[in-house]
PDB file of N, CA and C in Angstrom:
ATOM      1  N   MET A   1     134.048 130.485-109.035  1.00  0.00           N
ATOM      2  CA  MET A   1     133.460 129.630-108.036  1.00  0.00           C
ATOM      3  C   MET A   1     132.839 128.430-108.739  1.00  0.00           C
ATOM      4  N   THR A   2     133.050 127.232-108.180  1.00  0.00           N
ATOM      5  CA  THR A   2     132.506 126.000-108.741  1.00  0.00           C
ATOM      6  C   THR A   2     131.814 125.206-107.653  1.00  0.00           C
ATOM      7  N   VAL A   3     130.617 124.754-107.919  1.00  0.00           N
ATOM      8  CA  VAL A   3     129.932 123.842-106.999  1.00  0.00           C
ATOM      9  C   VAL A   3     130.612 122.487-107.129  1.00  0.00           C
ATOM     10  N   LYS A   4     131.099 121.947-106.030  1.00  0.00           N
ATOM     11  CA  LYS A   4     131.823 120.676-106.047  1.00  0.00           C
ATOM     12  C   LYS A   4     130.924 119.476-105.774  1.00  0.00           C
ATOM     13  N   ARG A   5     129.863 119.694-105.014  1.00  0.00           N
ATOM     14  CA  ARG A   5     129.019 118.577-104.623  1.00  0.00           C
ATOM     15  C   ARG A   5     127.689 119.110-104.135  1.00  0.00           C
ATOM     16  N   ILE A   6     126.634 118.320-104.307  1.00  0.00           N
ATOM     17  CA  ILE A   6     125.329 118.627-103.734  1.00  0.00           C
ATOM     18  C   ILE A   6     124.931 117.419-102.896  1.00  0.00           C
ATOM     19  N   VAL A   7     124.548 117.656-101.659  1.00  0.00           N
ATOM     20  CA  VAL A   7     124.163 116.584-100.748  1.00  0.00           C
ATOM     21  C   VAL A   7     122.697 116.757-100.392  1.00  0.00           C
ATOM     22  N   SER A   8     121.937 115.692-100.498  1.00  0.00           N
ATOM     23  CA  SER A   8     120.539 115.709-100.095  1.00  0.00           C
ATOM     24  C   SER A   8     120.453 115.312 -98.621  1.00  0.00           C
ATOM     25  N   ASN A   9     119.747 116.114 -97.823  1.00  0.00           N
ATOM     26  CA  ASN A   9     119.551 115.820 -96.405  1.00  0.00           C
ATOM     27  C   ASN A   9     118.095 115.446 -96.173  1.00  0.00           C
ATOM     28  N   VAL A  10     117.875 114.323 -95.486  1.00  0.00           N
ATOM     29  CA  VAL A  10     116.534 113.840 -95.195  1.00  0.00           C
ATOM     30  C   VAL A  10     116.343 113.865 -93.679  1.00  0.00           C
ATOM     31  N   ALA A  11     115.338 114.583 -93.199  1.00  0.00           N
ATOM     32  CA  ALA A  11     115.059 114.647 -91.763  1.00  0.00           C
ATOM     33  C   ALA A  11     114.473 113.325 -91.282  1.00  0.00           C
ATOM     34  N   ALA A  12     114.970 112.842 -90.137  1.00  0.00           N
ATOM     35  CA  ALA A  12     114.495 111.580 -89.574  1.00  0.00           C
ATOM     36  C   ALA A  12     114.621 111.610 -88.058  1.00  0.00           C
ATOM     37  N   LYS A  13     113.623 111.079 -87.377  1.00  0.00           N
ATOM     38  CA  LYS A  13     113.700 110.964 -85.919  1.00  0.00           C
ATOM     39  C   LYS A  13     114.660 109.848 -85.526  1.00  0.00           C
ATOM     40  N   ASP A  14     114.718 108.776 -86.328  1.00  0.00           N
ATOM     41  CA  ASP A  14     115.584 107.634 -86.053  1.00  0.00           C
ATOM     42  C   ASP A  14     116.359 107.301 -87.325  1.00  0.00           C
ATOM     43  N   VAL A  15     117.629 107.663 -87.379  1.00  0.00           N
ATOM     44  CA  VAL A  15     118.422 107.476 -88.586  1.00  0.00           C
ATOM     45  C   VAL A  15     118.734 106.009 -88.872  1.00  0.00           C
ATOM     46  N   THR A  16     118.584 105.124 -87.875  1.00  0.00           N
ATOM     47  CA  THR A  16     118.893 103.706 -88.098  1.00  0.00           C
ATOM     48  C   THR A  16     117.941 103.066 -89.102  1.00  0.00           C
ATOM     49  N   ALA A  17     116.739 103.601 -89.255  1.00  0.00           N
ATOM     50  CA  ALA A  17     115.769 103.062 -90.218  1.00  0.00           C
ATOM     51  C   ALA A  17     116.241 103.255 -91.658  1.00  0.00           C
ATOM     52  N   ALA A  18     117.204 104.126 -91.868  1.00  0.00           N
ATOM     53  CA  ALA A  18     117.694 104.401 -93.220  1.00  0.00           C
ATOM     54  C   ALA A  18     118.496 103.239 -93.788  1.00  0.00           C
ATOM     55  N   ARG A  19     119.115 102.438 -92.940  1.00  0.00           N
ATOM     56  CA  ARG A  19     120.008 101.368 -93.419  1.00  0.00           C
ATOM     57  C   ARG A  19     119.301 100.360 -94.317  1.00  0.00           C
ATOM     58  N   ALA A  20     118.119  99.920 -93.940  1.00  0.00           N
ATOM     59  CA  ALA A  20     117.400  98.916 -94.739  1.00  0.00           C
ATOM     60  C   ALA A  20     117.092  99.446 -96.134  1.00  0.00           C
ATOM     61  N   PHE A  21     116.860 100.720 -96.240  1.00  0.00           N
ATOM     62  CA  PHE A  21     116.511 101.305 -97.537  1.00  0.00           C
ATOM     63  C   PHE A  21     117.756 101.676 -98.337  1.00  0.00           C
ATOM     64  N   TYR A  22     118.560 102.564 -97.797  1.00  0.00           N
ATOM     65  CA  TYR A  22     119.677 103.107 -98.572  1.00  0.00           C
ATOM     66  C   TYR A  22     120.869 102.147 -98.669  1.00  0.00           C
ATOM     67  N   GLU A  23     121.102 101.354 -97.641  1.00  0.00           N
ATOM     68  CA  GLU A  23     122.212 100.400 -97.679  1.00  0.00           C
ATOM     69  C   GLU A  23     121.778  99.070 -98.287  1.00  0.00           C
ATOM     70  N   ASP A  24     120.721  98.468 -97.743  1.00  0.00           N
ATOM     71  CA  ASP A  24     120.307  97.136 -98.199  1.00  0.00           C
ATOM     72  C   ASP A  24     119.639  97.162 -99.573  1.00  0.00           C
ATOM     73  N   LEU A  25     118.664  98.038 -99.773  1.00  0.00           N
ATOM     74  CA  LEU A  25     117.945  98.084-101.051  1.00  0.00           C
ATOM     75  C   LEU A  25     118.814  98.639-102.176  1.00  0.00           C
ATOM     76  N   LEU A  26     119.500  99.750-101.916  1.00  0.00           N
ATOM     77  CA  LEU A  26     120.231 100.435-102.976  1.00  0.00           C
ATOM     78  C   LEU A  26     121.722 100.111-103.018  1.00  0.00           C
ATOM     79  N   GLY A  27     122.232  99.428-102.010  1.00  0.00           N
ATOM     80  CA  GLY A  27     123.634  99.031-102.022  1.00  0.00           C
ATOM     81  C   GLY A  27     124.615 100.151-101.746  1.00  0.00           C
ATOM     82  N   LEU A  28     124.147 101.240-101.153  1.00  0.00           N
ATOM     83  CA  LEU A  28     125.058 102.324-100.800  1.00  0.00           C
ATOM     84  C   LEU A  28     125.841 101.957 -99.543  1.00  0.00           C
ATOM     85  N   GLU A  29     127.044 102.481 -99.434  1.00  0.00           N
ATOM     86  CA  GLU A  29     127.893 102.224 -98.275  1.00  0.00           C
ATOM     87  C   GLU A  29     127.717 103.341 -97.250  1.00  0.00           C
ATOM     88  N   VAL A  30     127.889 102.989 -95.977  1.00  0.00           N
ATOM     89  CA  VAL A  30     127.897 104.010 -94.938  1.00  0.00           C
ATOM     90  C   VAL A  30     129.260 104.694 -94.992  1.00  0.00           C
ATOM     91  N   LEU A  31     129.255 105.983 -95.297  1.00  0.00           N
ATOM     92  CA  LEU A  31     130.484 106.758 -95.379  1.00  0.00           C
ATOM     93  C   LEU A  31     130.798 107.449 -94.062  1.00  0.00           C
ATOM     94  N   MET A  32     129.736 107.759 -93.311  1.00  0.00           N
ATOM     95  CA  MET A  32     129.898 108.428 -92.024  1.00  0.00           C
ATOM     96  C   MET A  32     128.690 108.087 -91.158  1.00  0.00           C
ATOM     97  N   ASP A  33     128.924 107.802 -89.897  1.00  0.00           N
ATOM     98  CA  ASP A  33     127.843 107.541 -88.947  1.00  0.00           C
ATOM     99  C   ASP A  33     128.215 108.182 -87.619  1.00  0.00           C
ATOM    100  N   LEU A  34     127.559 109.298 -87.310  1.00  0.00           N
ATOM    101  CA  LEU A  34     127.799 110.001 -86.054  1.00  0.00           C
ATOM    102  C   LEU A  34     126.668 109.764 -85.055  1.00  0.00           C
ATOM    103  N   GLY A  35     125.788 108.812 -85.368  1.00  0.00           N
ATOM    104  CA  GLY A  35     124.658 108.533 -84.490  1.00  0.00           C
ATOM    105  C   GLY A  35     123.442 109.379 -84.822  1.00  0.00           C
ATOM    106  N   TRP A  36     123.622 110.661 -84.967  1.00  0.00           N
ATOM    107  CA  TRP A  36     122.523 111.576 -85.291  1.00  0.00           C
ATOM    108  C   TRP A  36     122.428 111.836 -86.793  1.00  0.00           C
ATOM    109  N   ILE A  37     123.483 111.483 -87.519  1.00  0.00           N
ATOM    110  CA  ILE A  37     123.501 111.612 -88.974  1.00  0.00           C
ATOM    111  C   ILE A  37     124.260 110.421 -89.550  1.00  0.00           C
ATOM    112  N   VAL A  38     123.681 109.830 -90.587  1.00  0.00           N
ATOM    113  CA  VAL A  38     124.339 108.754 -91.323  1.00  0.00           C
ATOM    114  C   VAL A  38     124.399 109.197 -92.779  1.00  0.00           C
ATOM    115  N   THR A  39     125.578 109.137 -93.364  1.00  0.00           N
ATOM    116  CA  THR A  39     125.759 109.502 -94.765  1.00  0.00           C
ATOM    117  C   THR A  39     126.057 108.247 -95.561  1.00  0.00           C
ATOM    118  N   PHE A  40     125.270 108.038 -96.617  1.00  0.00           N
ATOM    119  CA  PHE A  40     125.443 106.888 -97.503  1.00  0.00           C
ATOM    120  C   PHE A  40     126.024 107.374 -98.813  1.00  0.00           C
ATOM    121  N   GLY A  41     126.801 106.534 -99.473  1.00  0.00           N
ATOM    122  CA  GLY A  41     127.361 106.930-100.751  1.00  0.00           C
ATOM    123  C   GLY A  41     128.024 105.761-101.447  1.00  0.00           C
ATOM    124  N   SER A  42     128.717 106.083-102.521  1.00  0.00           N
ATOM    125  CA  SER A  42     129.457 105.086-103.291  1.00  0.00           C
ATOM    126  C   SER A  42     130.715 105.747-103.841  1.00  0.00           C
ATOM    127  N   ASP A  43     131.531 104.972-104.506  1.00  0.00           N
ATOM    128  CA  ASP A  43     132.744 105.524-105.088  1.00  0.00           C
ATOM    129  C   ASP A  43     132.511 106.057-106.506  1.00  0.00           C
ATOM    130  N   GLN A  44     131.249 106.108-106.922  1.00  0.00           N
ATOM    131  CA  GLN A  44     130.915 106.616-108.255  1.00  0.00           C
ATOM    132  C   GLN A  44     131.045 108.130-108.290  1.00  0.00           C
ATOM    133  N   SER A  45     131.477 108.657-109.413  1.00  0.00           N
ATOM    134  CA  SER A  45     131.509 110.086-109.617  1.00  0.00           C
ATOM    135  C   SER A  45     130.422 110.442-110.624  1.00  0.00           C
ATOM    136  N   ALA A  46     129.782 111.555-110.377  1.00  0.00           N
ATOM    137  CA  ALA A  46     128.676 111.978-111.256  1.00  0.00           C
ATOM    138  C   ALA A  46     128.696 113.498-111.383  1.00  0.00           C
ATOM    139  N   PRO A  47     128.116 114.012-112.464  1.00  0.00           N
ATOM    140  CA  PRO A  47     128.044 115.469-112.596  1.00  0.00           C
ATOM    141  C   PRO A  47     127.160 116.068-111.492  1.00  0.00           C
ATOM    142  N   VAL A  48     127.476 117.274-111.102  1.00  0.00           N
ATOM    143  CA  VAL A  48     126.675 117.995-110.121  1.00  0.00           C
ATOM    144  C   VAL A  48     125.385 118.435-110.808  1.00  0.00           C
ATOM    145  N   GLN A  49     124.246 118.103-110.210  1.00  0.00           N
ATOM    146  CA  GLN A  49     122.959 118.466-110.797  1.00  0.00           C
ATOM    147  C   GLN A  49     121.952 118.808-109.710  1.00  0.00           C
ATOM    148  N   ILE A  50     121.048 119.687-110.033  1.00  0.00           N
ATOM    149  CA  ILE A  50     119.855 119.927-109.231  1.00  0.00           C
ATOM    150  C   ILE A  50     118.733 120.203-110.220  1.00  0.00           C
ATOM    151  N   SER A  51     117.598 119.563-110.001  1.00  0.00           N
ATOM    152  CA  SER A  51     116.454 119.729-110.905  1.00  0.00           C
ATOM    153  C   SER A  51     115.354 120.498-110.195  1.00  0.00           C
ATOM    154  N   VAL A  52     114.701 121.382-110.937  1.00  0.00           N
ATOM    155  CA  VAL A  52     113.553 122.141-110.452  1.00  0.00           C
ATOM    156  C   VAL A  52     112.414 121.818-111.392  1.00  0.00           C
ATOM    157  N   ALA A  53     111.284 121.340-110.842  1.00  0.00           N
ATOM    158  CA  ALA A  53     110.210 120.833-111.697  1.00  0.00           C
ATOM    159  C   ALA A  53     108.835 121.230-111.183  1.00  0.00           C
ATOM    160  N   SER A  54     107.907 121.386-112.118  1.00  0.00           N
ATOM    161  CA  SER A  54     106.514 121.669-111.760  1.00  0.00           C
ATOM    162  C   SER A  54     105.709 120.376-111.628  1.00  0.00           C
ATOM    163  N   GLU A  55     106.266 119.273-112.131  1.00  0.00           N
ATOM    164  CA  GLU A  55     105.673 117.937-111.974  1.00  0.00           C
ATOM    165  C   GLU A  55     106.795 116.929-112.139  1.00  0.00           C
ATOM    166  N   GLY A  56     106.503 115.672-111.814  1.00  0.00           N
ATOM    167  CA  GLY A  56     107.510 114.627-111.899  1.00  0.00           C
ATOM    168  C   GLY A  56     107.605 113.958-113.255  1.00  0.00           C
ATOM    169  N   GLY A  57     106.823 114.418-114.219  1.00  0.00           N
ATOM    170  CA  GLY A  57     106.769 113.778-115.532  1.00  0.00           C
ATOM    171  C   GLY A  57     105.648 112.761-115.562  1.00  0.00           C
ATOM    172  N   SER A  58     105.007 112.623-116.694  1.00  0.00           N
ATOM    173  CA  SER A  58     103.850 111.721-116.852  1.00  0.00           C
ATOM    174  C   SER A  58     102.760 112.016-115.828  1.00  0.00           C
ATOM    175  N   GLY A  59     102.672 113.295-115.424  1.00  0.00           N
ATOM    176  CA  GLY A  59     101.624 113.715-114.500  1.00  0.00           C
ATOM    177  C   GLY A  59     101.839 113.304-113.060  1.00  0.00           C
ATOM    178  N   THR A  60     103.048 112.872-112.702  1.00  0.00           N
ATOM    179  CA  THR A  60     103.318 112.413-111.337  1.00  0.00           C
ATOM    180  C   THR A  60     103.743 113.568-110.442  1.00  0.00           C
ATOM    181  N   GLU A  61     103.722 113.299-109.151  1.00  0.00           N
ATOM    182  CA  GLU A  61     104.219 114.225-108.142  1.00  0.00           C
ATOM    183  C   GLU A  61     105.738 114.384-108.324  1.00  0.00           C
ATOM    184  N   VAL A  62     106.262 115.548-107.998  1.00  0.00           N
ATOM    185  CA  VAL A  62     107.702 115.772-108.077  1.00  0.00           C
ATOM    186  C   VAL A  62     108.379 114.952-106.974  1.00  0.00           C
ATOM    187  N   PRO A  63     109.317 114.065-107.335  1.00  0.00           N
ATOM    188  CA  PRO A  63     109.995 113.281-106.309  1.00  0.00           C
ATOM    189  C   PRO A  63     110.968 114.145-105.508  1.00  0.00           C
ATOM    190  N   ASP A  64     111.231 113.708-104.274  1.00  0.00           N
ATOM    191  CA  ASP A  64     112.182 114.420-103.423  1.00  0.00           C
ATOM    192  C   ASP A  64     113.623 114.171-103.861  1.00  0.00           C
ATOM    193  N   ILE A  65     113.903 112.945-104.280  1.00  0.00           N
ATOM    194  CA  ILE A  65     115.255 112.557-104.686  1.00  0.00           C
ATOM    195  C   ILE A  65     115.131 111.642-105.900  1.00  0.00           C
ATOM    196  N   SER A  66     116.044 111.779-106.855  1.00  0.00           N
ATOM    197  CA  SER A  66     116.147 110.841-107.973  1.00  0.00           C
ATOM    198  C   SER A  66     117.471 110.111-107.854  1.00  0.00           C
ATOM    199  N   ILE A  67     117.410 108.777-107.968  1.00  0.00           N
ATOM    200  CA  ILE A  67     118.605 107.950-107.849  1.00  0.00           C
ATOM    201  C   ILE A  67     118.705 107.075-109.094  1.00  0.00           C
ATOM    202  N   GLU A  68     119.771 107.271-109.854  1.00  0.00           N
ATOM    203  CA  GLU A  68     119.999 106.450-111.043  1.00  0.00           C
ATOM    204  C   GLU A  68     120.774 105.203-110.648  1.00  0.00           C
ATOM    205  N   VAL A  69     120.309 104.050-111.118  1.00  0.00           N
ATOM    206  CA  VAL A  69     120.944 102.765-110.829  1.00  0.00           C
ATOM    207  C   VAL A  69     121.279 102.069-112.140  1.00  0.00           C
ATOM    208  N   ASP A  70     122.128 101.037-112.064  1.00  0.00           N
ATOM    209  CA  ASP A  70     122.488 100.317-113.287  1.00  0.00           C
ATOM    210  C   ASP A  70     121.469  99.246-113.651  1.00  0.00           C
ATOM    211  N   ASP A  71     120.644  98.794-112.683  1.00  0.00           N
ATOM    212  CA  ASP A  71     119.639  97.755-112.946  1.00  0.00           C
ATOM    213  C   ASP A  71     118.347  98.082-112.197  1.00  0.00           C
ATOM    214  N   VAL A  72     117.521  98.906-112.817  1.00  0.00           N
ATOM    215  CA  VAL A  72     116.286  99.353-112.174  1.00  0.00           C
ATOM    216  C   VAL A  72     115.323  98.184-111.933  1.00  0.00           C
ATOM    217  N   ASP A  73     115.352  97.182-112.809  1.00  0.00           N
ATOM    218  CA  ASP A  73     114.468  96.032-112.630  1.00  0.00           C
ATOM    219  C   ASP A  73     114.814  95.254-111.360  1.00  0.00           C
ATOM    220  N   GLU A  74     116.089  95.121-111.085  1.00  0.00           N
ATOM    221  CA  GLU A  74     116.529  94.422-109.870  1.00  0.00           C
ATOM    222  C   GLU A  74     116.100  95.171-108.617  1.00  0.00           C
ATOM    223  N   VAL A  75     116.304  96.483-108.603  1.00  0.00           N
ATOM    224  CA  VAL A  75     115.911  97.284-107.442  1.00  0.00           C
ATOM    225  C   VAL A  75     114.395  97.253-107.273  1.00  0.00           C
ATOM    226  N   TYR A  76     113.662  97.323-108.366  1.00  0.00           N
ATOM    227  CA  TYR A  76     112.195  97.252-108.318  1.00  0.00           C
ATOM    228  C   TYR A  76     111.742  95.915-107.710  1.00  0.00           C
ATOM    229  N   ALA A  77     112.329  94.820-108.156  1.00  0.00           N
ATOM    230  CA  ALA A  77     111.961  93.493-107.630  1.00  0.00           C
ATOM    231  C   ALA A  77     112.236  93.409-106.136  1.00  0.00           C
ATOM    232  N   ARG A  78     113.363  93.940-105.690  1.00  0.00           N
ATOM    233  CA  ARG A  78     113.686  93.919-104.250  1.00  0.00           C
ATOM    234  C   ARG A  78     112.731  94.808-103.458  1.00  0.00           C
ATOM    235  N   ALA A  79     112.377  95.962-104.023  1.00  0.00           N
ATOM    236  CA  ALA A  79     111.441  96.863-103.341  1.00  0.00           C
ATOM    237  C   ALA A  79     110.070  96.201-103.199  1.00  0.00           C
ATOM    238  N   LYS A  80     109.618  95.539-104.263  1.00  0.00           N
ATOM    239  CA  LYS A  80     108.325  94.822-104.214  1.00  0.00           C
ATOM    240  C   LYS A  80     108.385  93.699-103.188  1.00  0.00           C
ATOM    241  N   ALA A  81     109.483  92.936-103.189  1.00  0.00           N
ATOM    242  CA  ALA A  81     109.622  91.781-102.286  1.00  0.00           C
ATOM    243  C   ALA A  81     109.623  92.206-100.820  1.00  0.00           C
ATOM    244  N   THR A  82     110.123  93.387-100.532  1.00  0.00           N
ATOM    245  CA  THR A  82     110.155  93.853 -99.147  1.00  0.00           C
ATOM    246  C   THR A  82     108.895  94.614 -98.754  1.00  0.00           C
ATOM    247  N   GLY A  83     107.957  94.766 -99.682  1.00  0.00           N
ATOM    248  CA  GLY A  83     106.674  95.390 -99.371  1.00  0.00           C
ATOM    249  C   GLY A  83     106.719  96.902 -99.236  1.00  0.00           C
ATOM    250  N   LEU A  84     107.696  97.537 -99.851  1.00  0.00           N
ATOM    251  CA  LEU A  84     107.766  98.996 -99.793  1.00  0.00           C
ATOM    252  C   LEU A  84     106.620  99.629-100.582  1.00  0.00           C
ATOM    253  N   ASP A  85     106.243 100.830-100.171  1.00  0.00           N
ATOM    254  CA  ASP A  85     105.200 101.587-100.858  1.00  0.00           C
ATOM    255  C   ASP A  85     105.738 102.064-102.210  1.00  0.00           C
ATOM    256  N   ILE A  86     105.106 101.605-103.283  1.00  0.00           N
ATOM    257  CA  ILE A  86     105.506 101.979-104.642  1.00  0.00           C
ATOM    258  C   ILE A  86     104.335 102.728-105.279  1.00  0.00           C
ATOM    259  N   PRO A  87     104.303 104.067-105.137  1.00  0.00           N
ATOM    260  CA  PRO A  87     103.174 104.840-105.653  1.00  0.00           C
ATOM    261  C   PRO A  87     103.158 105.012-107.177  1.00  0.00           C
ATOM    262  N   TYR A  88     104.279 104.731-107.844  1.00  0.00           N
ATOM    263  CA  TYR A  88     104.330 104.821-109.312  1.00  0.00           C
ATOM    264  C   TYR A  88     105.098 103.597-109.788  1.00  0.00           C
ATOM    265  N   ASP A  89     104.390 102.730-110.491  1.00  0.00           N
ATOM    266  CA  ASP A  89     104.942 101.431-110.889  1.00  0.00           C
ATOM    267  C   ASP A  89     106.030 101.575-111.952  1.00  0.00           C
ATOM    268  N   LEU A  90     106.803 100.530-112.111  1.00  0.00           N
ATOM    269  CA  LEU A  90     107.895 100.504-113.086  1.00  0.00           C
ATOM    270  C   LEU A  90     107.341 100.841-114.475  1.00  0.00           C
ATOM    271  N   THR A  91     107.931 101.858-115.102  1.00  0.00           N
ATOM    272  CA  THR A  91     107.404 102.405-116.353  1.00  0.00           C
ATOM    273  C   THR A  91     108.542 102.806-117.288  1.00  0.00           C
ATOM    274  N   ASP A  92     108.346 102.545-118.571  1.00  0.00           N
ATOM    275  CA  ASP A  92     109.248 103.056-119.602  1.00  0.00           C
ATOM    276  C   ASP A  92     108.689 104.394-120.056  1.00  0.00           C
ATOM    277  N   GLU A  93     109.426 105.463-119.777  1.00  0.00           N
ATOM    278  CA  GLU A  93     108.960 106.814-120.085  1.00  0.00           C
ATOM    279  C   GLU A  93     109.377 107.213-121.504  1.00  0.00           C
ATOM    280  N   PRO A  94     108.628 108.137-122.124  1.00  0.00           N
ATOM    281  CA  PRO A  94     108.937 108.553-123.494  1.00  0.00           C
ATOM    282  C   PRO A  94     110.268 109.296-123.621  1.00  0.00           C
ATOM    283  N   TRP A  95     110.876 109.726-122.526  1.00  0.00           N
ATOM    284  CA  TRP A  95     112.170 110.423-122.589  1.00  0.00           C
ATOM    285  C   TRP A  95     113.334 109.461-122.317  1.00  0.00           C
ATOM    286  N   ASN A  96     113.129 108.175-122.640  1.00  0.00           N
ATOM    287  CA  ASN A  96     114.161 107.136-122.576  1.00  0.00           C
ATOM    288  C   ASN A  96     114.688 106.857-121.173  1.00  0.00           C
ATOM    289  N   VAL A  97     113.778 106.854-120.222  1.00  0.00           N
ATOM    290  CA  VAL A  97     114.096 106.495-118.842  1.00  0.00           C
ATOM    291  C   VAL A  97     113.128 105.404-118.407  1.00  0.00           C
ATOM    292  N   ARG A  98     113.632 104.391-117.711  1.00  0.00           N
ATOM    293  CA  ARG A  98     112.804 103.355-117.076  1.00  0.00           C
ATOM    294  C   ARG A  98     112.885 103.643-115.592  1.00  0.00           C
ATOM    295  N   ARG A  99     111.723 103.779-114.923  1.00  0.00           N
ATOM    296  CA  ARG A  99     111.745 104.222-113.533  1.00  0.00           C
ATOM    297  C   ARG A  99     110.521 103.769-112.759  1.00  0.00           C
ATOM    298  N   PHE A 100     110.633 103.921-111.447  1.00  0.00           N
ATOM    299  CA  PHE A 100     109.499 103.766-110.537  1.00  0.00           C
ATOM    300  C   PHE A 100     109.726 104.674-109.342  1.00  0.00           C
ATOM    301  N   TYR A 101     108.653 104.950-108.617  1.00  0.00           N
ATOM    302  CA  TYR A 101     108.736 105.744-107.394  1.00  0.00           C
ATOM    303  C   TYR A 101     108.530 104.808-106.211  1.00  0.00           C
ATOM    304  N   VAL A 102     109.277 105.055-105.157  1.00  0.00           N
ATOM    305  CA  VAL A 102     109.148 104.299-103.914  1.00  0.00           C
ATOM    306  C   VAL A 102     109.288 105.288-102.760  1.00  0.00           C
ATOM    307  N   ARG A 103     108.621 105.002-101.651  1.00  0.00           N
ATOM    308  CA  ARG A 103     108.750 105.856-100.464  1.00  0.00           C
ATOM    309  C   ARG A 103     109.833 105.273 -99.556  1.00  0.00           C
ATOM    310  N   ASP A 104     110.726 106.130 -99.092  1.00  0.00           N
ATOM    311  CA  ASP A 104     111.741 105.678 -98.138  1.00  0.00           C
ATOM    312  C   ASP A 104     111.094 105.602 -96.751  1.00  0.00           C
ATOM    313  N   PRO A 105     111.795 105.139 -95.729  1.00  0.00           N
ATOM    314  CA  PRO A 105     111.192 104.990 -94.401  1.00  0.00           C
ATOM    315  C   PRO A 105     110.710 106.296 -93.776  1.00  0.00           C
ATOM    316  N   PHE A 106     111.105 107.424 -94.342  1.00  0.00           N
ATOM    317  CA  PHE A 106     110.758 108.727 -93.786  1.00  0.00           C
ATOM    318  C   PHE A 106     109.682 109.437 -94.602  1.00  0.00           C
ATOM    319  N   GLY A 107     109.109 108.714 -95.579  1.00  0.00           N
ATOM    320  CA  GLY A 107     108.029 109.260 -96.392  1.00  0.00           C
ATOM    321  C   GLY A 107     108.481 110.036 -97.615  1.00  0.00           C
ATOM    322  N   LYS A 108     109.791 110.111 -97.854  1.00  0.00           N
ATOM    323  CA  LYS A 108     110.294 110.828 -99.025  1.00  0.00           C
ATOM    324  C   LYS A 108     110.007 110.022-100.287  1.00  0.00           C
ATOM    325  N   LEU A 109     109.592 110.717-101.328  1.00  0.00           N
ATOM    326  CA  LEU A 109     109.300 110.079-102.610  1.00  0.00           C
ATOM    327  C   LEU A 109     110.603 109.984-103.393  1.00  0.00           C
ATOM    328  N   ILE A 110     111.027 108.745-103.685  1.00  0.00           N
ATOM    329  CA  ILE A 110     112.295 108.497-104.349  1.00  0.00           C
ATOM    330  C   ILE A 110     112.031 107.971-105.755  1.00  0.00           C
ATOM    331  N   ASN A 111     112.612 108.631-106.738  1.00  0.00           N
ATOM    332  CA  ASN A 111     112.521 108.243-108.135  1.00  0.00           C
ATOM    333  C   ASN A 111     113.741 107.363-108.430  1.00  0.00           C
ATOM    334  N   ILE A 112     113.514 106.069-108.621  1.00  0.00           N
ATOM    335  CA  ILE A 112     114.597 105.137-108.952  1.00  0.00           C
ATOM    336  C   ILE A 112     114.554 104.945-110.475  1.00  0.00           C
ATOM    337  N   LEU A 113     115.680 105.197-111.159  1.00  0.00           N
ATOM    338  CA  LEU A 113     115.648 105.213-112.615  1.00  0.00           C
ATOM    339  C   LEU A 113     116.909 104.634-113.230  1.00  0.00           C
ATOM    340  N   ALA A 114     116.754 104.266-114.493  1.00  0.00           N
ATOM    341  CA  ALA A 114     117.888 103.902-115.344  1.00  0.00           C
ATOM    342  C   ALA A 114     117.603 104.483-116.725  1.00  0.00           C
ATOM    343  N   HIS A 115     118.638 104.994-117.359  1.00  0.00           N
ATOM    344  CA  HIS A 115     118.496 105.488-118.722  1.00  0.00           C
ATOM    345  C   HIS A 115     118.486 104.312-119.677  1.00  0.00           C
ATOM    346  N   ALA A 116     117.634 104.380-120.686  1.00  0.00           N
ATOM    347  CA  ALA A 116     117.558 103.315-121.697  1.00  0.00           C
ATOM    348  C   ALA A 116     118.844 103.305-122.500  1.00  0.00           C
ATOM    349  N   ASP A 117     119.221 102.123-122.961  1.00  0.00           N
ATOM    350  CA  ASP A 117     120.450 101.997-123.774  1.00  0.00           C
ATOM    351  C   ASP A 117     120.262 102.587-125.146  1.00  0.00           C
TER     352      ASP A 117
END
């Protein structure tokens, strides 16, 4: 048996609020929209992973979702410009990750990160 994919589900009363965050901020495409559920994604392939943590690192809260991007500085600038809640500022972590935390429209804590070169 092989796990082929892991999908994160976020509960929302109004799924249309997700577009500004997941589509506009992060550049994900709408893969499916049934009105009651909207699935965002990209054509990127990645290893299947799930993390279990007692903290988020550097003493932070454990994020609900971690999203790796190719340009964390660009996403951070757009998040700041749109006035999103950023509870953990852009930081270079000792484990070679540059990241920040932002809240999505549904209150989920999202860890936006890029691995250092």
